[in-house]
C-alpha atoms as a PDB file:
ATOM      1  CA  MET A   1     135.985 111.932  38.398  1.00  0.00           C
ATOM      2  CA  ALA A   2     136.927 114.660  35.920  1.00  0.00           C
ATOM      3  CA  GLU A   3     134.169 116.925  37.195  1.00  0.00           C
ATOM      4  CA  SER A   4     135.350 116.803  40.810  1.00  0.00           C
ATOM      5  CA  LYS A   5     139.008 117.270  39.765  1.00  0.00           C
ATOM      6  CA  ALA A   6     138.085 120.367  37.794  1.00  0.00           C
ATOM      7  CA  ALA A   7     136.038 121.631  40.738  1.00  0.00           C
ATOM      8  CA  TRP A   8     138.951 121.116  43.152  1.00  0.00           C
ATOM      9  CA  ASP A   9     141.322 122.818  40.706  1.00  0.00           C
ATOM     10  CA  GLN A  10     138.951 125.801  40.756  1.00  0.00           C
ATOM     11  CA  VAL A  11     138.960 125.775  44.574  1.00  0.00           C
ATOM     12  CA  GLY A  12     142.759 125.970  44.506  1.00  0.00           C
ATOM     13  CA  GLU A  13     142.735 128.840  42.025  1.00  0.00           C
ATOM     14  CA  ASP A  14     140.119 130.791  43.982  1.00  0.00           C
ATOM     15  CA  PHE A  15     141.895 130.379  47.320  1.00  0.00           C
ATOM     16  CA  ARG A  16     145.244 131.332  45.756  1.00  0.00           C
ATOM     17  CA  ALA A  17     143.608 134.507  44.410  1.00  0.00           C
ATOM     18  CA  LEU A  18     142.173 135.217  47.852  1.00  0.00           C
ATOM     19  CA  GLY A  19     145.609 134.664  49.401  1.00  0.00           C
ATOM     20  CA  ARG A  20     147.172 137.095  46.924  1.00  0.00           C
ATOM     21  CA  GLN A  21     144.610 139.761  47.837  1.00  0.00           C
ATOM     22  CA  VAL A  22     145.242 139.334  51.568  1.00  0.00           C
ATOM     23  CA  LYS A  23     149.013 139.414  50.951  1.00  0.00           C
ATOM     24  CA  GLN A  24     148.612 142.602  48.949  1.00  0.00           C
ATOM     25  CA  HIS A  25     146.883 144.238  51.919  1.00  0.00           C
ATOM     26  CA  TYR A  26     149.665 142.999  54.211  1.00  0.00           C
ATOM     27  CA  ASP A  27     152.391 144.316  51.882  1.00  0.00           C
ATOM     28  CA  GLN A  28     150.728 147.741  51.784  1.00  0.00           C
ATOM     29  CA  ARG A  29     150.835 148.149  55.556  1.00  0.00           C
ATOM     30  CA  GLU A  30     153.478 150.469  56.967  1.00  0.00           C
ATOM     31  CA  ARG A  31     156.169 148.718  58.988  1.00  0.00           C
ATOM     32  CA  PRO A  32     157.175 150.131  62.394  1.00  0.00           C
ATOM     33  CA  GLN A  33     160.744 151.404  62.698  1.00  0.00           C
ATOM     34  CA  ALA A  34     163.122 149.731  65.165  1.00  0.00           C
ATOM     35  CA  THR A  35     163.745 151.693  68.353  1.00  0.00           C
ATOM     36  CA  GLU A  36     167.234 152.571  69.619  1.00  0.00           C
ATOM     37  CA  SER A  37     166.936 149.995  72.410  1.00  0.00           C
ATOM     38  CA  GLN A  38     166.065 147.288  69.881  1.00  0.00           C
ATOM     39  CA  GLU A  39     169.035 148.244  67.691  1.00  0.00           C
ATOM     40  CA  ALA A  40     171.466 148.274  70.625  1.00  0.00           C
ATOM     41  CA  THR A  41     170.407 144.890  71.999  1.00  0.00           C
ATOM     42  CA  GLY A  42     173.219 142.459  72.589  1.00  0.00           C
ATOM     43  CA  GLN A  43     176.076 144.836  71.732  1.00  0.00           C
ATOM     44  CA  GLY A  44     179.179 144.837  73.928  1.00  0.00           C
ATOM     45  CA  GLN A  45     177.959 142.376  76.545  1.00  0.00           C
ATOM     46  CA  GLY A  46     180.527 140.604  78.712  1.00  0.00           C
ATOM     47  CA  ALA A  47     180.153 137.238  80.401  1.00  0.00           C
ATOM     48  CA  GLU A  48     178.556 138.825  83.484  1.00  0.00           C
ATOM     49  CA  GLY A  49     175.894 140.630  81.445  1.00  0.00           C
ATOM     50  CA  GLN A  50     174.998 137.584  79.384  1.00  0.00           C
ATOM     51  CA  PRO A  51     171.760 136.590  81.222  1.00  0.00           C
ATOM     52  CA  ALA A  52     170.441 140.154  80.968  1.00  0.00           C
ATOM     53  CA  ALA A  53     171.488 140.331  77.326  1.00  0.00           C
ATOM     54  CA  ASP A  54     169.788 137.000  76.616  1.00  0.00           C
ATOM     55  CA  ARG A  55     166.649 138.228  78.337  1.00  0.00           C
ATOM     56  CA  ARG A  56     166.690 141.403  76.214  1.00  0.00           C
ATOM     57  CA  LYS A  57     167.110 139.315  73.061  1.00  0.00           C
ATOM     58  CA  VAL A  58     164.123 137.176  74.022  1.00  0.00           C
ATOM     59  CA  ASP A  59     162.078 140.265  74.910  1.00  0.00           C
ATOM     60  CA  ASP A  60     163.003 141.922  71.610  1.00  0.00           C
ATOM     61  CA  ALA A  61     162.180 138.775  69.660  1.00  0.00           C
ATOM     62  CA  LEU A  62     158.792 138.566  71.383  1.00  0.00           C
ATOM     63  CA  GLN A  63     158.192 142.253  70.664  1.00  0.00           C
ATOM     64  CA  LYS A  64     159.007 141.745  66.985  1.00  0.00           C
ATOM     65  CA  LEU A  65     156.721 138.716  66.865  1.00  0.00           C
ATOM     66  CA  THR A  66     153.929 140.714  68.495  1.00  0.00           C
ATOM     67  CA  GLU A  67     154.387 143.530  65.978  1.00  0.00           C
ATOM     68  CA  ALA A  68     154.415 141.095  63.052  1.00  0.00           C
ATOM     69  CA  LEU A  69     151.230 139.407  64.275  1.00  0.00           C
ATOM     70  CA  ASP A  70     149.600 142.787  64.800  1.00  0.00           C
ATOM     71  CA  GLN A  71     150.497 143.779  61.227  1.00  0.00           C
ATOM     72  CA  ALA A  72     149.233 140.482  59.847  1.00  0.00           C
ATOM     73  CA  PHE A  73     145.906 140.663  61.666  1.00  0.00           C
ATOM     74  CA  SER A  74     145.503 144.350  60.823  1.00  0.00           C
ATOM     75  CA  ALA A  75     146.093 143.534  57.157  1.00  0.00           C
ATOM     76  CA  LEU A  76     143.604 140.687  57.405  1.00  0.00           C
ATOM     77  CA  GLY A  77     141.080 143.080  58.974  1.00  0.00           C
ATOM     78  CA  ASP A  78     141.664 145.578  56.162  1.00  0.00           C
ATOM     79  CA  ALA A  79     141.282 142.817  53.597  1.00  0.00           C
ATOM     80  CA  VAL A  80     138.003 141.641  55.125  1.00  0.00           C
ATOM     81  CA  ARG A  81     136.570 145.130  54.750  1.00  0.00           C
ATOM     82  CA  ASP A  82     137.695 145.342  51.095  1.00  0.00           C
ATOM     83  CA  PRO A  83     134.692 144.605  48.816  1.00  0.00           C
ATOM     84  CA  GLN A  84     136.914 142.860  46.239  1.00  0.00           C
ATOM     85  CA  VAL A  85     138.260 140.503  48.905  1.00  0.00           C
ATOM     86  CA  GLY A  86     134.710 139.855  50.080  1.00  0.00           C
ATOM     87  CA  GLU A  87     133.702 138.935  46.537  1.00  0.00           C
ATOM     88  CA  GLN A  88     136.735 136.656  46.169  1.00  0.00           C
ATOM     89  CA  THR A  89     135.921 135.019  49.507  1.00  0.00           C
ATOM     90  CA  ARG A  90     132.372 134.316  48.341  1.00  0.00           C
ATOM     91  CA  LYS A  91     133.720 132.953  45.056  1.00  0.00           C
ATOM     92  CA  ALA A  92     136.210 130.684  46.860  1.00  0.00           C
ATOM     93  CA  ALA A  93     133.514 129.443  49.234  1.00  0.00           C
ATOM     94  CA  GLY A  94     131.217 128.748  46.289  1.00  0.00           C
ATOM     95  CA  SER A  95     133.983 126.826  44.528  1.00  0.00           C
ATOM     96  CA  LEU A  96     134.581 124.798  47.667  1.00  0.00           C
ATOM     97  CA  SER A  97     130.883 124.005  47.900  1.00  0.00           C
ATOM     98  CA  ASP A  98     130.768 123.002  44.220  1.00  0.00           C
ATOM     99  CA  ALA A  99     133.818 120.765  44.620  1.00  0.00           C
ATOM    100  CA  LEU A 100     132.359 119.042  47.676  1.00  0.00           C
ATOM    101  CA  THR A 101     129.053 118.524  45.878  1.00  0.00           C
ATOM    102  CA  ALA A 102     130.786 117.046  42.817  1.00  0.00           C
ATOM    103  CA  THR A 103     132.980 114.804  44.977  1.00  0.00           C
ATOM    104  CA  PHE A 104     130.060 113.449  46.997  1.00  0.00           C
ATOM    105  CA  ALA A 105     127.987 112.950  43.833  1.00  0.00           C
ATOM    106  CA  GLU A 106     130.799 110.930  42.258  1.00  0.00           C
ATOM    107  CA  ALA A 107     131.336 108.912  45.442  1.00  0.00           C
ATOM    108  CA  SER A 108     127.618 108.230  45.673  1.00  0.00           C
ATOM    109  CA  GLU A 109     127.556 107.076  42.059  1.00  0.00           C
ATOM    110  CA  ARG A 110     130.452 104.685  42.706  1.00  0.00           C
ATOM    111  CA  PHE A 111     128.687 103.161  45.710  1.00  0.00           C
ATOM    112  CA  ARG A 112     125.500 102.695  43.714  1.00  0.00           C
ATOM    113  CA  LYS A 113     127.402 100.843  40.991  1.00  0.00           C
ATOM    114  CA  LYS A 114     128.857  98.341  43.481  1.00  0.00           C
END
């Protein structure tokens, strides 16, 4: 039991390290600046202009979401091409494999004892 726990602890550590590396790539990406139309959205709207203003708010929110997803996937793409991230990915995958092997070996041993 101790062997598989240690193996799973290592999996957690390796995937956290991988997550930090991907986050670092994301944090290094340049953020787009808001446009004038995005900054002016929803200002000074009366009751008659409310549906159009709501539509603009939804459109702007979707645009911001699209930009955020684009940044996230671009950062992930950059991270994938980084040799250090590739090494950490291999290490995390190896840890996962080791943990699964240890877990199945311990489970098999328990079944044999019964």
